Amino acid sequence: MITPSQISIPKEQKPSKLEGIKENSNFLREPLATQLLEDTNHFTEEAVQILKFHGSYQQHDRDNIVKGQEKDYQMMLRTRNPGGFIPPQLFLTLNSLSHDYGNGTLRVTTRQGFQLHGVLKKNLKTVISSIIKSMGSTLGACGDLNRNVMSPPAPYKNRPEYEYAKDYANKIADLLAPQTGAYYEIWLDGEKVISGEESPEVKAARQHNGNGTIFPNSEEPIYGTHYMPRKFKCAVTVPGDNSIDLYTQDVSLVVITNQAGELEGFNVLAGGGLGRTHRKEDTFPCLAQEIGYVTKEDIFDLVKAIVATQRDYGDRSKRRHARMKYLLHDWGIEKFQAKLVEYFGKSIAPFKPLPEWKYLDFLG
């Protein structure tokens, strides 16, 4: 059986401290689970890093700093809702939680989610469990894994390509969702209250090993114990509609249909990202590059191949250099595509011609 490649870290470089924290977390459980029960107003640095995978950042009120006194620690929570879909029940819950346990604000993010701010550590379990019970989730909204998957927000009913984009945003989100039981163990005491039924093809794709894309018999078949080197962002859109900024994503899928409006496959782009660190010239923005075209039957395997390439060869020693755009930049597109073919197990068809991209604003 083919197994995933060893994490690629040059001998002269040590993995970052966070790599050890992830490895020792027992699949995102500790030390978060233990410290959540302690009568303190904040988490340690190790627990903070694991907390991110559960969709929360620890912050403090910079306007309330008193010399000699402990910081006014608060938590930010971010939702994971593919395509930006928020059920009415969830929105009402978020609105109530923001007033009952937060600072009264509910903020829309650039990745089609919501953020709550000002939540105290002692109230964190109540807030997250309430979100889950209202058909929501924060799992994977932060941390070194796939983040919220975007798709065009326009609710067209007479344009099937938009429905395909929304459908596959959900399927890619499910495919790359963390499989650890830690989330429900910690926030719901092990009870999985509400769970949308996964597509059978997604379940099968997650377990399909192919050419070393998964860790067999692991609690995290796609991610393993170290998860990804850094955050990983995906989007699904339709030809011509760039409302989701496809060139800024780690992976972008473009729906390709036939003349009857039936889904045939996807154009795939990879390696985008706008982030950079001020005065650090070795950090820079990159536009995603064209990878090729795959049929709908092969899209999950190609997405897994891209994830596996970044998982196994992305930089785990320097966090500033850990996004997939740097791997693609350092290797070049030909070497990157060759590695994808190894994991994918077959050649990748050429990128199909597309109309000009336009930014479509659906607000108002």
Protein backbone atom coordinates (compact mmCIF):
# COMPACT_ATOMS: atom_id res chain seq x y z
CA MET A 1 0.00 0.00 0.00
CA ILE A 2 1.33 3.46 -0.89
CA THR A 3 1.58 5.78 2.11
CA PRO A 4 2.02 9.56 2.26
CA SER A 5 5.49 11.01 1.86
CA GLN A 6 7.52 11.94 4.90
CA ILE A 7 7.10 15.59 5.85
CA SER A 8 9.75 17.35 3.80
CA ILE A 9 12.01 19.42 6.08
CA PRO A 10 15.65 19.93 5.12
CA LYS A 11 18.07 18.43 7.66
CA GLU A 12 19.58 21.80 8.49
CA GLN A 13 16.16 23.24 9.37
CA LYS A 14 14.08 22.42 12.40
CA PRO A 15 10.28 22.26 12.26
CA SER A 16 8.55 25.23 13.85
CA LYS A 17 7.34 25.01 17.44
CA LEU A 18 3.75 24.77 16.23
CA GLU A 19 4.50 21.50 14.41
CA GLY A 20 5.32 19.90 17.76
CA ILE A 21 2.19 21.36 19.36
CA LYS A 22 0.02 19.84 16.63
CA GLU A 23 1.77 16.48 16.83
CA ASN A 24 1.34 16.27 20.61
CA SER A 25 -2.29 17.48 20.65
CA ASN A 26 -3.85 14.02 20.21
CA PHE A 27 -5.67 15.24 17.12
CA LEU A 28 -6.61 18.71 18.42
CA ARG A 29 -7.63 17.68 21.95
CA GLU A 30 -4.88 18.78 24.30
CA PRO A 31 -4.00 20.89 26.14
CA LEU A 32 -7.23 22.67 25.14
CA ALA A 33 -9.65 20.16 26.69
CA THR A 34 -7.87 20.21 30.06
CA GLN A 35 -7.44 23.98 30.23
CA LEU A 36 -11.07 24.64 29.30
CA LEU A 37 -12.03 23.10 32.66
CA GLU A 38 -9.59 25.25 34.65
CA ASP A 39 -10.75 28.35 36.51
CA THR A 40 -8.64 30.84 34.56
CA ASN A 41 -9.50 33.68 32.20
CA HIS A 42 -7.14 32.62 29.41
CA PHE A 43 -5.39 29.70 27.71
CA THR A 44 -1.66 29.04 27.45
CA GLU A 45 0.12 29.56 24.13
CA GLU A 46 0.00 25.81 23.35
CA ALA A 47 -3.76 25.63 23.96
CA VAL A 48 -4.31 28.85 21.98
CA GLN A 49 -2.75 27.24 18.91
CA ILE A 50 -5.08 24.23 19.16
CA LEU A 51 -8.06 26.49 19.89
CA LYS A 52 -7.60 28.06 16.45
CA PHE A 53 -8.47 24.76 14.76
CA HIS A 54 -11.78 24.85 16.67
CA GLY A 55 -12.56 28.26 15.17
CA SER A 56 -11.46 30.70 17.88
CA TYR A 57 -8.62 33.14 18.55
CA GLN A 58 -7.64 34.38 22.00
CA GLN A 59 -7.32 38.17 22.10
CA HIS A 60 -7.24 40.91 24.71
CA ASP A 61 -8.81 44.35 24.98
CA ARG A 62 -5.99 46.76 24.04
CA ASP A 63 -8.06 49.69 25.33
CA ASN A 64 -8.20 48.17 28.80
CA ILE A 65 -4.53 47.61 29.64
CA VAL A 66 -3.60 48.50 33.22
CA LYS A 67 0.02 48.23 34.29
CA GLY A 68 0.48 45.48 36.85
CA GLN A 69 -2.87 43.86 36.12
CA GLU A 70 -3.65 40.79 34.05
CA LYS A 71 -4.79 41.39 30.49
CA ASP A 72 -8.50 41.54 29.72
CA TYR A 73 -8.62 38.31 27.70
CA GLN A 74 -11.45 37.68 25.26
CA MET A 75 -12.15 35.18 22.48
CA MET A 76 -13.09 35.74 18.86
CA LEU A 77 -15.23 33.05 17.21
CA ARG A 78 -15.58 32.48 13.46
CA THR A 79 -18.20 30.38 11.69
CA ARG A 80 -17.57 27.78 9.01
CA ASN A 81 -20.40 27.91 6.48
CA PRO A 82 -19.52 26.95 2.87
CA GLY A 83 -20.78 29.34 0.23
CA GLY A 84 -21.84 31.80 2.91
CA PHE A 85 -25.13 30.03 3.59
CA ILE A 86 -26.51 30.84 7.05
CA PRO A 87 -29.79 29.15 8.09
CA PRO A 88 -32.24 31.58 9.73
CA GLN A 89 -32.04 29.69 13.03
CA LEU A 90 -28.26 30.07 13.06
CA PHE A 91 -28.34 33.79 12.31
CA LEU A 92 -30.81 34.40 15.14
CA THR A 93 -28.60 32.38 17.49
CA LEU A 94 -25.46 34.28 16.47
CA ASN A 95 -27.24 37.59 16.95
CA SER A 96 -28.39 36.60 20.44
CA LEU A 97 -24.99 35.22 21.44
CA SER A 98 -23.24 38.41 20.34
CA HIS A 99 -25.36 40.39 22.82
CA ASP A 100 -25.58 37.82 25.63
CA TYR A 101 -21.92 36.73 25.66
CA GLY A 102 -20.02 39.00 23.26
CA ASN A 103 -19.43 42.69 22.76
CA GLY A 104 -22.67 43.21 20.83
CA THR A 105 -21.15 43.02 17.35
CA LEU A 106 -21.62 40.42 14.63
CA ARG A 107 -19.14 40.90 11.80
CA VAL A 108 -19.25 39.54 8.25
CA THR A 109 -15.89 38.18 7.08
CA THR A 110 -14.28 38.31 3.64
CA ARG A 111 -14.68 34.51 3.44
CA GLN A 112 -18.48 34.58 3.77
CA GLY A 113 -18.60 33.76 7.47
CA PHE A 114 -19.48 35.59 10.68
CA GLN A 115 -17.31 36.56 13.64
CA LEU A 116 -18.29 37.12 17.27
CA HIS A 117 -15.97 39.11 19.50
CA GLY A 118 -15.58 39.64 23.24
CA VAL A 119 -16.48 36.12 24.45
CA LEU A 120 -14.97 35.22 27.84
CA LYS A 121 -13.22 31.90 28.35
CA LYS A 122 -15.80 30.77 30.90
CA ASN A 123 -18.57 31.25 28.30
CA LEU A 124 -16.77 29.72 25.34
CA LYS A 125 -18.30 26.25 25.64
CA THR A 126 -21.82 27.68 25.93
CA VAL A 127 -21.35 29.82 22.83
CA ILE A 128 -19.82 27.11 20.61
CA SER A 129 -22.32 24.45 21.70
CA SER A 130 -25.17 26.87 20.95
CA ILE A 131 -23.81 27.46 17.45
CA ILE A 132 -23.57 23.71 16.81
CA LYS A 133 -27.10 23.08 18.08
CA SER A 134 -28.37 25.77 15.68
CA MET A 135 -27.01 24.02 12.57
CA GLY A 136 -23.69 25.87 12.61
CA SER A 137 -20.02 25.09 13.11
CA THR A 138 -16.74 26.81 13.89
CA LEU A 139 -14.56 23.74 13.22
CA GLY A 140 -11.79 24.56 10.76
CA ALA A 141 -12.67 28.27 10.49
CA CYS A 142 -9.11 29.00 11.69
CA GLY A 143 -5.90 26.96 11.97
CA ASP A 144 -3.60 25.01 9.64
CA LEU A 145 -6.21 23.29 7.50
CA ASN A 146 -8.82 24.03 4.88
CA ARG A 147 -10.81 27.15 5.80
CA ASN A 148 -14.33 28.15 4.75
CA VAL A 149 -14.96 27.24 1.10
CA MET A 150 -16.38 30.12 -0.92
CA SER A 151 -18.80 30.20 -3.85
CA PRO A 152 -20.77 33.00 -5.56
CA PRO A 153 -23.52 34.24 -3.23
CA ALA A 154 -26.10 34.86 -5.97
CA PRO A 155 -29.07 32.51 -5.38
CA TYR A 156 -29.88 31.91 -9.05
CA LYS A 157 -32.47 29.18 -9.61
CA ASN A 158 -32.45 29.30 -13.41
CA ARG A 159 -28.68 28.94 -13.87
CA PRO A 160 -27.59 25.41 -12.99
CA GLU A 161 -23.88 26.26 -12.94
CA TYR A 162 -24.43 28.37 -9.81
CA GLU A 163 -26.15 25.45 -8.10
CA TYR A 164 -23.19 23.22 -9.01
CA ALA A 165 -20.78 25.76 -7.53
CA LYS A 166 -22.72 25.87 -4.28
CA ASP A 167 -23.06 22.09 -4.17
CA TYR A 168 -19.35 21.47 -4.70
CA ALA A 169 -18.36 24.17 -2.22
CA ASN A 170 -20.18 22.05 0.36
CA LYS A 171 -18.66 18.82 -0.92
CA ILE A 172 -15.08 20.15 -0.90
CA ALA A 173 -15.69 21.54 2.59
CA ASP A 174 -16.88 18.11 3.75
CA LEU A 175 -14.02 16.31 2.01
CA LEU A 176 -11.38 18.46 3.73
CA ALA A 177 -13.13 18.86 7.09
CA PRO A 178 -11.15 17.57 10.12
CA GLN A 179 -12.31 14.08 11.06
CA THR A 180 -11.07 14.14 14.65
CA GLY A 181 -13.73 13.60 17.31
CA ALA A 182 -12.16 16.36 19.43
CA TYR A 183 -14.63 19.05 18.41
CA TYR A 184 -17.75 17.28 19.63
CA GLU A 185 -15.96 15.77 22.63
CA ILE A 186 -14.86 19.16 23.92
CA TRP A 187 -17.82 21.38 23.09
CA LEU A 188 -20.73 18.90 23.29
CA ASP A 189 -19.30 16.29 25.68
CA GLY A 190 -19.15 13.80 22.83
CA GLU A 191 -22.72 14.23 21.61
CA LYS A 192 -23.04 14.94 17.89
CA VAL A 193 -26.32 16.83 18.01
CA ILE A 194 -26.81 17.98 14.43
CA SER A 195 -24.93 16.72 11.41
CA GLY A 196 -25.72 17.23 7.75
CA GLU A 197 -25.53 13.96 5.86
CA GLU A 198 -22.38 13.74 3.78
CA SER A 199 -22.52 12.71 0.16
CA PRO A 200 -21.56 9.03 -0.25
CA GLU A 201 -19.08 10.03 -2.96
CA VAL A 202 -17.34 12.37 -0.52
CA LYS A 203 -17.04 9.63 2.10
CA ALA A 204 -15.61 7.25 -0.47
CA ALA A 205 -13.19 9.87 -1.82
CA ARG A 206 -11.83 10.65 1.63
CA GLN A 207 -10.85 7.04 2.21
CA HIS A 208 -9.56 6.37 -1.31
CA ASN A 209 -5.78 6.16 -0.98
CA GLY A 210 -4.80 6.54 -4.60
CA ASN A 211 -1.05 7.21 -4.61
CA GLY A 212 -0.27 8.15 -1.03
CA THR A 213 -2.81 10.93 -0.59
CA ILE A 214 -4.13 9.62 2.75
CA PHE A 215 -2.90 8.11 6.02
CA PRO A 216 -4.68 4.72 6.21
CA ASN A 217 -6.32 3.89 9.56
CA SER A 218 -5.66 7.38 10.92
CA GLU A 219 -8.20 9.52 12.75
CA GLU A 220 -7.21 12.18 10.20
CA PRO A 221 -6.86 10.29 6.88
CA ILE A 222 -6.09 13.39 4.81
CA TYR A 223 -4.22 15.59 7.31
CA GLY A 224 -2.37 13.15 9.57
CA THR A 225 -1.00 14.31 12.95
CA HIS A 226 0.60 17.53 11.64
CA TYR A 227 -2.32 18.86 9.56
CA MET A 228 -1.23 21.44 6.94
CA PRO A 229 1.87 23.68 7.10
CA ARG A 230 -0.40 26.77 7.10
CA LYS A 231 -3.97 27.77 6.33
CA PHE A 232 -5.45 26.49 3.07
CA LYS A 233 -8.20 28.32 1.18
CA CYS A 234 -10.56 27.02 -1.53
CA ALA A 235 -13.32 28.43 -3.70
CA VAL A 236 -15.70 27.21 -6.41
CA THR A 237 -17.12 29.55 -9.04
CA VAL A 238 -18.61 29.67 -12.54
CA PRO A 239 -17.08 31.02 -15.78
CA GLY A 240 -16.93 34.81 -15.80
CA ASP A 241 -17.95 35.32 -12.16
CA ASN A 242 -15.00 36.47 -10.04
CA SER A 243 -17.02 37.55 -7.02
CA ILE A 244 -14.93 35.13 -4.91
CA ASP A 245 -11.48 36.36 -6.08
CA LEU A 246 -10.39 33.02 -7.55
CA TYR A 247 -6.78 34.12 -8.15
CA THR A 248 -6.21 34.71 -4.43
CA GLN A 249 -7.13 31.17 -3.33
CA ASP A 250 -4.89 28.15 -2.70
CA VAL A 251 -7.30 26.16 -4.88
CA SER A 252 -10.04 27.49 -7.16
CA LEU A 253 -12.45 25.31 -9.12
CA VAL A 254 -14.38 26.63 -12.11
CA VAL A 255 -17.57 24.77 -13.04
CA ILE A 256 -17.64 23.54 -16.67
CA THR A 257 -21.02 22.50 -18.09
CA ASN A 258 -22.18 21.27 -21.49
CA GLN A 259 -24.73 22.98 -23.73
CA ALA A 260 -27.56 21.27 -21.85
CA GLY A 261 -26.35 22.83 -18.59
CA GLU A 262 -25.10 19.50 -17.21
CA LEU A 263 -21.93 19.39 -15.13
CA GLU A 264 -18.96 17.90 -16.97
CA GLY A 265 -15.94 18.88 -14.89
CA PHE A 266 -13.80 21.69 -13.50
CA ASN A 267 -10.96 23.96 -14.49
CA VAL A 268 -8.48 24.06 -11.59
CA LEU A 269 -6.18 26.86 -10.44
CA ALA A 270 -3.75 26.74 -7.50
CA GLY A 271 -1.21 28.76 -5.57
CA GLY A 272 -2.88 32.12 -4.96
CA GLY A 273 -2.50 34.31 -1.87
CA LEU A 274 -2.27 38.03 -1.11
CA GLY A 275 -0.57 38.00 2.29
CA ARG A 276 2.90 39.41 2.94
CA THR A 277 4.88 40.57 5.97
CA HIS A 278 5.93 44.22 6.10
CA ARG A 279 9.64 44.71 5.32
CA LYS A 280 10.14 40.99 4.73
CA GLU A 281 11.06 40.83 1.07
CA ASP A 282 10.94 37.03 1.04
CA THR A 283 7.15 37.29 1.49
CA PHE A 284 4.97 38.45 -1.37
CA PRO A 285 1.50 38.07 -2.95
CA CYS A 286 0.96 35.56 -5.77
CA LEU A 287 -1.82 34.96 -8.26
CA ALA A 288 -3.12 31.42 -8.65
CA GLN A 289 -1.89 29.58 -11.75
CA GLU A 290 -3.76 27.35 -14.17
CA ILE A 291 -3.32 23.65 -13.34
CA GLY A 292 -5.66 22.04 -15.85
CA TYR A 293 -9.06 20.42 -16.29
CA VAL A 294 -10.55 17.29 -14.71
CA THR A 295 -13.89 15.57 -15.06
CA LYS A 296 -16.40 15.67 -12.23
CA GLU A 297 -15.57 12.03 -11.43
CA ASP A 298 -11.94 12.95 -10.74
CA ILE A 299 -12.26 16.29 -8.96
CA PHE A 300 -12.01 14.96 -5.41
CA ASP A 301 -8.87 12.97 -6.23
CA LEU A 302 -7.20 16.00 -7.79
CA VAL A 303 -8.09 18.22 -4.83
CA LYS A 304 -6.60 15.57 -2.53
CA ALA A 305 -3.48 15.46 -4.72
CA ILE A 306 -3.04 19.22 -4.35
CA VAL A 307 -3.57 19.01 -0.59
CA ALA A 308 -1.11 16.12 -0.31
CA THR A 309 1.55 18.00 -2.27
CA GLN A 310 1.32 21.02 0.05
CA ARG A 311 0.98 18.80 3.15
CA ASP A 312 4.09 16.77 2.35
CA TYR A 313 6.33 19.41 0.74
CA GLY A 314 5.17 22.76 2.13
CA ASP A 315 7.64 24.59 4.42
CA ARG A 316 7.12 23.51 8.04
CA SER A 317 10.16 25.32 9.41
CA LYS A 318 9.38 28.96 8.51
CA ARG A 319 5.75 29.95 9.02
CA ARG A 320 6.13 33.03 6.79
CA HIS A 321 7.15 30.75 3.94
CA ALA A 322 4.60 27.99 4.56
CA ARG A 323 1.71 28.86 2.24
CA MET A 324 1.36 26.82 -0.94
CA LYS A 325 2.08 29.85 -3.13
CA TYR A 326 5.72 29.72 -1.99
CA LEU A 327 6.01 26.03 -2.79
CA LEU A 328 4.68 26.65 -6.29
CA HIS A 329 6.93 29.71 -6.68
CA ASP A 330 10.03 27.81 -5.51
CA TRP A 331 9.35 24.72 -7.62
CA GLY A 332 7.82 26.29 -10.70
CA ILE A 333 4.58 25.21 -12.33
CA GLU A 334 6.06 22.25 -14.25
CA LYS A 335 7.57 20.54 -11.17
CA PHE A 336 4.39 21.26 -9.18
CA GLN A 337 2.20 19.72 -11.88
CA ALA A 338 4.51 16.70 -12.13
CA LYS A 339 4.14 16.03 -8.41
CA LEU A 340 0.36 16.39 -8.69
CA VAL A 341 0.34 13.76 -11.43
CA GLU A 342 2.25 11.37 -9.12
CA TYR A 343 -0.41 11.71 -6.43
CA PHE A 344 -3.31 11.90 -8.91
CA GLY A 345 -2.18 8.80 -10.79
CA LYS A 346 -2.98 10.08 -14.27
CA SER A 347 -2.29 13.01 -16.56
CA ILE A 348 -4.20 16.26 -16.15
CA ALA A 349 -6.04 17.62 -19.20
CA PRO A 350 -5.34 21.17 -20.44
CA PHE A 351 -7.19 24.13 -18.96
CA LYS A 352 -10.36 24.86 -20.95
CA PRO A 353 -10.90 28.33 -22.48
CA LEU A 354 -12.99 30.69 -20.37
CA PRO A 355 -14.70 34.05 -20.92
CA GLU A 356 -13.26 37.20 -19.39
CA TRP A 357 -13.54 37.39 -15.61
CA LYS A 358 -15.66 40.14 -14.06
CA TYR A 359 -16.17 41.12 -10.45
CA LEU A 360 -19.90 40.78 -9.79
CA ASP A 361 -21.29 42.52 -6.72
CA PHE A 362 -24.56 40.89 -5.65
CA LEU A 363 -25.24 43.19 -2.70
CA GLY A 364 -28.18 45.56 -2.77
